[in-house]
């Protein structure tokens, strides 16, 4: 029998703490070994002890969740943190801040403790906690490494410009799939792409409705390429990144005018997720693109594998997967590699340059 994972619960509401602890302790995979009522108490515990995961509220007195994540980063204290957030617009922004500062995942927390007792919330909490508790401990990127990565990208753009004619016979599209650890990983890739990238980029990041619009806005503010939440009927353009809306499946269809456009469908969740990248990949089989560059990054499960396998039957594809060492959860990329579909397995900091070399710049 495996030892239960040790969990720290941080919440300023005594009732909410009790409810969360009851749900977690009722599952034999976990044991709440410590509770904290604010960020100051949590920081003290985290600086002295190791936990398998931390379930944390964001709005707390004395030191809130974001301040706690900043302090952990400042003192280089690694912890697997999952935040419980509200799904308002402000909640979405705060959640994205938390993911940027090192939180690995999040769940919607109902406003009242009573609503936390519903089965759907319990299931989501325990599933997310299981992923976080079994994920890679986050490491803090050094500024030197980030700078080296930026310099490499600049060189790649120059190479791509020089060899663009050879690189990019025919039209291409980049299709990216990511899940747990994805928002942070995408932030290491998308802002590195040049504005004149010679292909549109599609992203399916597993995220609930309400969070994808805020995520797209944030990525747009950091990037040279245009980043937007994909809207029904959007025409695909080079140098633009389209992030799939939470709660619908993103497909690419060809319009009567022969243009590639976004079309959403409402099938049930597939691989347990909605949006599901498999639908995106499969929809590209009927497209007029000459080649699809498939990129599969950190995430739980196997989304992307079946879609790429089906796409490969009719299209020329080039598949890039993130390596195990840099994936927070080595599930989705591992599944693609294990199926023998990966052409390249590369660390996170190399993904942007491989995209540039494969599609070229205008």
Protein backbone atom coordinates (compact mmCIF):
# COMPACT_ATOMS: atom_id res chain seq x y z
CA UNK A 1 0.00 0.00 0.00
CA UNK A 2 1.37 3.42 -0.96
CA UNK A 3 1.71 6.00 1.77
CA UNK A 4 -0.91 8.77 1.44
CA UNK A 5 0.34 12.03 -0.03
CA UNK A 6 0.95 14.74 2.58
CA UNK A 7 -1.22 17.80 1.98
CA UNK A 8 -1.13 21.34 3.41
CA UNK A 9 -4.46 23.25 3.29
CA UNK A 10 -4.30 27.06 3.45
CA UNK A 11 -7.58 28.99 3.84
CA UNK A 12 -8.66 31.82 6.14
CA UNK A 13 -12.23 30.48 6.50
CA UNK A 14 -12.47 27.91 9.30
CA UNK A 15 -15.56 26.36 7.71
CA UNK A 16 -13.98 26.16 4.26
CA UNK A 17 -10.82 24.64 5.77
CA UNK A 18 -12.87 21.98 7.50
CA UNK A 19 -14.87 21.12 4.38
CA UNK A 20 -11.75 20.90 2.17
CA UNK A 21 -9.92 18.79 4.77
CA UNK A 22 -12.90 16.43 5.11
CA UNK A 23 -13.06 15.90 1.33
CA UNK A 24 -9.30 15.32 1.07
CA UNK A 25 -9.02 13.07 4.13
CA UNK A 26 -11.92 10.90 2.93
CA UNK A 27 -9.73 9.82 -0.01
CA UNK A 28 -7.11 7.25 1.01
CA UNK A 29 -4.60 8.69 -1.49
CA UNK A 30 -4.21 11.84 0.63
CA UNK A 31 -3.81 13.01 4.20
CA UNK A 32 -4.03 16.60 5.40
CA UNK A 33 -1.05 16.87 7.72
CA UNK A 34 -1.15 20.61 8.35
CA UNK A 35 -3.51 23.58 8.11
CA UNK A 36 -2.73 27.30 7.84
CA UNK A 37 -5.06 30.30 8.04
CA UNK A 38 -2.99 32.73 5.94
CA UNK A 39 0.13 33.11 3.81
CA UNK A 40 2.39 34.01 6.76
CA UNK A 41 1.58 30.74 8.55
CA UNK A 42 1.86 28.79 5.30
CA UNK A 43 5.27 30.32 4.50
CA UNK A 44 6.55 29.38 7.95
CA UNK A 45 5.39 25.76 7.46
CA UNK A 46 6.74 25.52 3.88
CA UNK A 47 10.15 26.87 4.89
CA UNK A 48 10.47 24.06 7.46
CA UNK A 49 8.58 21.10 5.95
CA UNK A 50 8.03 19.27 2.69
CA UNK A 51 4.49 18.51 1.49
CA UNK A 52 3.39 16.57 -1.56
CA UNK A 53 0.91 19.33 -2.42
CA UNK A 54 -0.55 22.60 -1.11
CA UNK A 55 -4.23 23.53 -1.59
CA UNK A 56 -4.42 27.29 -1.23
CA UNK A 57 -6.99 30.05 -1.20
CA UNK A 58 -5.92 33.28 -2.88
CA UNK A 59 -7.75 35.95 -0.86
CA UNK A 60 -6.38 35.84 2.67
CA UNK A 61 -5.41 38.41 5.35
CA UNK A 62 -1.82 39.25 6.36
CA UNK A 63 -0.31 37.58 3.27
CA UNK A 64 -2.48 36.53 0.34
CA UNK A 65 -1.85 33.61 -2.01
CA UNK A 66 -0.01 35.65 -4.63
CA UNK A 67 2.28 37.22 -2.03
CA UNK A 68 2.99 33.75 -0.64
CA UNK A 69 3.96 32.47 -4.11
CA UNK A 70 6.24 35.52 -4.55
CA UNK A 71 7.94 34.81 -1.21
CA UNK A 72 8.43 31.12 -2.07
CA UNK A 73 10.01 32.16 -5.36
CA UNK A 74 12.22 34.78 -3.67
CA UNK A 75 13.56 32.22 -1.19
CA UNK A 76 13.65 29.45 -3.83
CA UNK A 77 11.32 27.19 -1.84
CA UNK A 78 9.77 24.72 -4.26
CA UNK A 79 6.22 23.56 -3.59
CA UNK A 80 3.47 21.93 -5.65
CA UNK A 81 0.72 24.49 -5.22
CA UNK A 82 -2.86 24.30 -6.45
CA UNK A 83 -5.06 27.37 -6.01
CA UNK A 84 -8.76 27.45 -5.31
CA UNK A 85 -10.23 30.43 -7.13
CA UNK A 86 -13.50 32.06 -8.11
CA UNK A 87 -14.28 32.15 -11.83
CA UNK A 88 -15.04 35.87 -12.08
CA UNK A 89 -13.02 38.05 -14.47
CA UNK A 90 -10.94 39.27 -11.50
CA UNK A 91 -10.66 35.66 -10.32
CA UNK A 92 -9.35 34.62 -13.73
CA UNK A 93 -6.69 37.38 -13.69
CA UNK A 94 -5.62 36.40 -10.17
CA UNK A 95 -5.49 32.73 -11.13
CA UNK A 96 -3.28 33.52 -14.13
CA UNK A 97 -1.01 35.57 -11.83
CA UNK A 98 -0.79 32.53 -9.54
CA UNK A 99 0.10 30.19 -12.43
CA UNK A 100 2.73 32.67 -13.59
CA UNK A 101 4.23 32.73 -10.08
CA UNK A 102 4.53 28.96 -9.92
CA UNK A 103 1.14 27.46 -8.99
CA UNK A 104 0.65 24.27 -11.02
CA UNK A 105 -3.13 24.16 -11.38
CA UNK A 106 -6.37 25.56 -10.06
CA UNK A 107 -9.97 24.65 -9.32
CA UNK A 108 -13.12 26.75 -9.16
CA UNK A 109 -14.10 27.12 -5.55
CA UNK A 110 -17.82 27.72 -4.92
CA UNK A 111 -18.68 30.79 -2.85
CA UNK A 112 -20.24 28.82 -0.01
CA UNK A 113 -18.77 25.91 1.92
CA UNK A 114 -22.09 24.06 1.53
CA UNK A 115 -21.69 24.09 -2.29
CA UNK A 116 -18.29 22.44 -1.84
CA UNK A 117 -20.04 19.30 -0.68
CA UNK A 118 -21.55 18.61 -4.11
CA UNK A 119 -20.14 15.57 -5.86
CA UNK A 120 -18.88 17.42 -8.96
CA UNK A 121 -16.72 19.75 -6.84
CA UNK A 122 -15.32 16.89 -4.75
CA UNK A 123 -14.40 14.96 -7.90
CA UNK A 124 -12.70 17.95 -9.52
CA UNK A 125 -10.80 18.80 -6.34
CA UNK A 126 -9.49 15.25 -5.85
CA UNK A 127 -8.62 14.71 -9.53
CA UNK A 128 -6.71 18.00 -9.71
CA UNK A 129 -4.99 17.31 -6.39
CA UNK A 130 -3.89 13.89 -7.63
CA UNK A 131 -2.30 15.43 -10.75
CA UNK A 132 -0.57 18.18 -8.74
CA UNK A 133 0.68 15.83 -5.98
CA UNK A 134 2.24 13.53 -8.61
CA UNK A 135 3.73 16.26 -10.79
CA UNK A 136 7.33 17.41 -11.10
CA UNK A 137 8.41 19.86 -8.41
CA UNK A 138 8.65 23.27 -10.12
CA UNK A 139 12.11 24.74 -10.59
CA UNK A 140 12.81 28.45 -10.81
CA UNK A 141 14.25 29.53 -14.15
CA UNK A 142 17.44 31.52 -13.91
CA UNK A 143 17.59 34.87 -15.69
CA UNK A 144 20.77 33.69 -17.45
CA UNK A 145 18.93 30.71 -18.97
CA UNK A 146 16.05 32.92 -20.12
CA UNK A 147 18.48 35.38 -21.70
CA UNK A 148 20.34 32.58 -23.52
CA UNK A 149 17.01 31.28 -24.83
CA UNK A 150 16.09 34.76 -26.17
CA UNK A 151 19.48 35.09 -27.91
CA UNK A 152 19.03 31.66 -29.54
CA UNK A 153 15.59 32.67 -30.81
CA UNK A 154 17.02 35.83 -32.42
CA UNK A 155 19.58 33.65 -34.23
CA UNK A 156 16.84 31.24 -35.33
CA UNK A 157 14.77 34.07 -36.82
CA UNK A 158 17.81 35.22 -38.81
CA UNK A 159 18.43 31.66 -40.05
CA UNK A 160 14.75 31.24 -40.90
CA UNK A 161 14.77 34.51 -42.89
CA UNK A 162 17.84 33.38 -44.82
CA UNK A 163 16.50 29.94 -45.65
CA UNK A 164 12.78 30.74 -45.71
CA UNK A 165 12.25 29.66 -49.31
CA UNK A 166 13.79 26.25 -48.59
CA UNK A 167 12.08 25.87 -45.24
CA UNK A 168 8.54 26.59 -46.16
CA UNK A 169 7.35 24.90 -49.29
CA UNK A 170 3.57 25.09 -49.17
CA UNK A 171 1.30 26.44 -46.48
CA UNK A 172 1.69 25.39 -42.87
CA UNK A 173 -0.17 25.62 -39.58
CA UNK A 174 1.07 25.08 -36.02
CA UNK A 175 -1.28 23.19 -33.67
CA UNK A 176 -0.35 23.06 -29.97
CA UNK A 177 -1.90 20.93 -27.20
CA UNK A 178 -1.18 21.47 -23.49
CA UNK A 179 -2.76 20.93 -20.08
CA UNK A 180 -1.40 21.01 -16.50
CA UNK A 181 1.64 23.31 -16.46
CA UNK A 182 0.59 24.57 -19.90
CA UNK A 183 -0.13 28.25 -19.18
CA UNK A 184 3.40 28.73 -17.80
CA UNK A 185 4.95 26.60 -20.56
CA UNK A 186 3.09 28.49 -23.30
CA UNK A 187 4.43 31.70 -21.83
CA UNK A 188 7.92 30.38 -22.54
CA UNK A 189 7.00 29.66 -26.17
CA UNK A 190 4.46 32.11 -27.64
CA UNK A 191 6.19 35.40 -26.65
CA UNK A 192 9.32 34.07 -28.39
CA UNK A 193 7.62 33.78 -31.79
CA UNK A 194 8.27 36.60 -34.29
CA UNK A 195 5.40 38.78 -35.57
CA UNK A 196 6.14 37.69 -39.16
CA UNK A 197 5.87 33.95 -38.43
CA UNK A 198 4.73 32.38 -41.70
CA UNK A 199 1.86 30.32 -40.24
CA UNK A 200 -1.18 30.64 -37.99
CA UNK A 201 -0.93 28.97 -34.55
CA UNK A 202 -3.79 27.06 -32.90
CA UNK A 203 -3.72 26.23 -29.17
CA UNK A 204 -5.91 23.88 -27.18
CA UNK A 205 -5.04 24.48 -23.52
CA UNK A 206 -7.29 22.58 -21.12
CA UNK A 207 -8.92 25.40 -19.19
CA UNK A 208 -12.49 26.14 -18.13
CA UNK A 209 -14.71 28.69 -19.83
CA UNK A 210 -14.03 32.22 -18.60
CA UNK A 211 -10.30 31.71 -18.20
CA UNK A 212 -9.27 31.38 -21.85
CA UNK A 213 -10.21 34.97 -22.78
CA UNK A 214 -8.14 36.40 -19.92
CA UNK A 215 -5.28 34.05 -20.77
CA UNK A 216 -5.34 35.15 -24.44
CA UNK A 217 -5.33 38.85 -23.44
CA UNK A 218 -2.36 38.31 -21.18
CA UNK A 219 -0.39 36.35 -23.78
CA UNK A 220 -1.16 39.03 -26.37
CA UNK A 221 0.31 41.73 -24.12
CA UNK A 222 3.55 39.71 -23.84
CA UNK A 223 3.93 38.68 -27.48
CA UNK A 224 5.01 40.04 -30.86
CA UNK A 225 2.49 37.75 -32.56
CA UNK A 226 -1.21 38.61 -32.16
CA UNK A 227 -2.88 36.31 -29.59
CA UNK A 228 -6.66 36.04 -29.26
CA UNK A 229 -9.32 33.73 -27.95
CA UNK A 230 -10.55 32.01 -31.12
CA UNK A 231 -14.05 33.17 -32.09
CA UNK A 232 -16.54 31.30 -34.29
CA UNK A 233 -15.81 32.13 -37.94
CA UNK A 234 -12.34 33.62 -37.32
CA UNK A 235 -10.28 33.35 -40.51
CA UNK A 236 -6.81 31.92 -39.85
CA UNK A 237 -3.98 34.36 -40.58
CA UNK A 238 -0.21 33.97 -40.41
CA UNK A 239 1.41 35.46 -37.31
CA UNK A 240 -1.78 35.10 -35.27
CA UNK A 241 -2.31 32.70 -32.36
CA UNK A 242 -5.83 31.35 -31.71
CA UNK A 243 -6.54 29.96 -28.24
CA UNK A 244 -9.50 27.56 -28.02
CA UNK A 245 -12.40 28.76 -25.87
CA UNK A 246 -12.99 26.73 -22.71
CA UNK A 247 -16.05 24.48 -22.77
CA UNK A 248 -16.24 23.99 -26.60
CA UNK A 249 -14.25 21.91 -29.09
CA UNK A 250 -12.20 23.89 -31.61
CA UNK A 251 -12.18 22.72 -35.25
CA UNK A 252 -10.81 24.19 -38.47
CA UNK A 253 -13.11 24.08 -41.50
CA UNK A 254 -12.78 25.42 -45.05
CA UNK A 255 -15.26 28.19 -45.93
CA UNK A 256 -17.13 28.47 -49.24
CA UNK A 257 -14.50 31.04 -50.26
CA UNK A 258 -11.76 28.47 -49.64
CA UNK A 259 -10.49 30.10 -46.43
CA UNK A 260 -9.58 28.24 -43.22
CA UNK A 261 -11.94 29.32 -40.42
CA UNK A 262 -12.63 28.41 -36.78
CA UNK A 263 -15.73 26.36 -36.06
CA UNK A 264 -16.78 25.25 -32.58
CA UNK A 265 -18.68 22.06 -31.83
CA UNK A 266 -20.38 20.92 -28.66
CA UNK A 267 -19.74 17.18 -28.41
CA UNK A 268 -19.28 15.77 -24.88
CA UNK A 269 -15.84 15.90 -23.27
CA UNK A 270 -13.33 13.54 -24.88
CA UNK A 271 -10.27 12.24 -22.98
CA UNK A 272 -12.13 13.84 -20.05
CA UNK A 273 -11.56 17.37 -21.43
CA UNK A 274 -13.37 20.10 -23.34
CA UNK A 275 -11.77 21.55 -25.44
CA UNK A 276 -10.04 18.36 -26.62
CA UNK A 277 -7.00 18.69 -28.91
CA UNK A 278 -7.91 15.48 -30.75
CA UNK A 279 -10.81 17.31 -32.44
CA UNK A 280 -8.50 20.14 -33.52
CA UNK A 281 -5.96 17.73 -35.05
CA UNK A 282 -8.60 15.61 -36.78
CA UNK A 283 -10.33 18.67 -38.27
CA UNK A 284 -7.05 19.65 -39.97
CA UNK A 285 -7.13 16.41 -42.00
CA UNK A 286 -9.60 18.06 -44.41
CA UNK A 287 -7.79 21.41 -44.50
CA UNK A 288 -5.82 22.79 -47.44
CA UNK A 289 -2.63 23.17 -45.40
CA UNK A 290 0.32 21.32 -46.93
CA UNK A 291 1.84 20.53 -43.54
CA UNK A 292 0.77 20.59 -39.89
CA UNK A 293 3.38 21.20 -37.20
CA UNK A 294 1.94 19.45 -34.13
CA UNK A 295 3.35 20.46 -30.73
CA UNK A 296 2.37 18.52 -27.61
CA UNK A 297 3.41 19.97 -24.27
CA UNK A 298 3.09 19.27 -20.55
CA UNK A 299 -0.20 17.77 -19.36
CA UNK A 300 -1.99 14.85 -17.78
CA UNK A 301 -3.47 12.05 -19.88
CA UNK A 302 -3.19 11.30 -23.58
CA UNK A 303 -5.04 14.11 -25.41
CA UNK A 304 -3.44 14.68 -28.81
CA UNK A 305 -2.23 11.14 -29.51
CA UNK A 306 -5.34 9.79 -31.28
CA UNK A 307 -5.85 13.08 -33.13
CA UNK A 308 -2.29 13.18 -34.47
CA UNK A 309 -2.43 9.50 -35.46
CA UNK A 310 -5.66 10.13 -37.40
CA UNK A 311 -4.29 13.32 -38.96
CA UNK A 312 -1.09 11.58 -40.07
CA UNK A 313 -3.11 9.20 -42.24
CA UNK A 314 -3.93 12.00 -44.68
CA UNK A 315 -1.57 14.92 -44.02
CA UNK A 316 2.13 15.61 -43.88
CA UNK A 317 2.83 16.27 -40.20
CA UNK A 318 5.89 17.13 -38.13
CA UNK A 319 5.47 16.35 -34.43
CA UNK A 320 7.41 18.11 -31.65
CA UNK A 321 6.92 16.97 -28.05
CA UNK A 322 8.20 18.50 -24.82
CA UNK A 323 10.72 16.34 -22.97
CA UNK A 324 10.19 14.75 -19.57
CA UNK A 325 12.74 16.89 -17.71
CA UNK A 326 10.91 20.17 -18.47
CA UNK A 327 7.29 18.88 -18.33
CA UNK A 328 5.41 19.53 -15.10
CA UNK A 329 3.30 16.46 -15.94
CA UNK A 330 4.81 14.08 -18.50
CA UNK A 331 1.52 12.58 -19.68
CA UNK A 332 0.40 13.99 -23.04
CA UNK A 333 3.90 14.30 -24.58
CA UNK A 334 4.86 10.85 -23.24
CA UNK A 335 1.77 9.29 -24.84
CA UNK A 336 2.61 10.78 -28.25
CA UNK A 337 6.26 9.67 -27.98
CA UNK A 338 5.27 6.17 -26.78
CA UNK A 339 2.98 5.84 -29.82
CA UNK A 340 6.02 6.45 -32.04
CA UNK A 341 4.55 9.69 -33.40
CA UNK A 342 7.19 12.19 -32.20
CA UNK A 343 9.71 13.49 -34.76
CA UNK A 344 11.48 15.56 -32.10
CA UNK A 345 11.53 15.45 -28.29
CA UNK A 346 12.94 18.74 -27.02
CA UNK A 347 13.17 20.78 -23.79
CA UNK A 348 10.67 23.59 -23.31
CA UNK A 349 13.15 26.37 -24.08
CA UNK A 350 13.81 24.85 -27.52
CA UNK A 351 10.19 24.57 -28.70
CA UNK A 352 9.86 28.13 -30.06
CA UNK A 353 13.02 27.82 -32.16
CA UNK A 354 11.86 24.48 -33.61
CA UNK A 355 8.52 26.05 -34.58
CA UNK A 356 10.35 28.94 -36.29
CA UNK A 357 12.71 26.59 -38.16
CA UNK A 358 9.80 24.42 -39.31
CA UNK A 359 7.49 27.17 -40.59
CA UNK A 360 9.85 30.03 -41.40
CA UNK A 361 9.16 33.76 -41.38
CA UNK A 362 7.72 36.00 -44.10
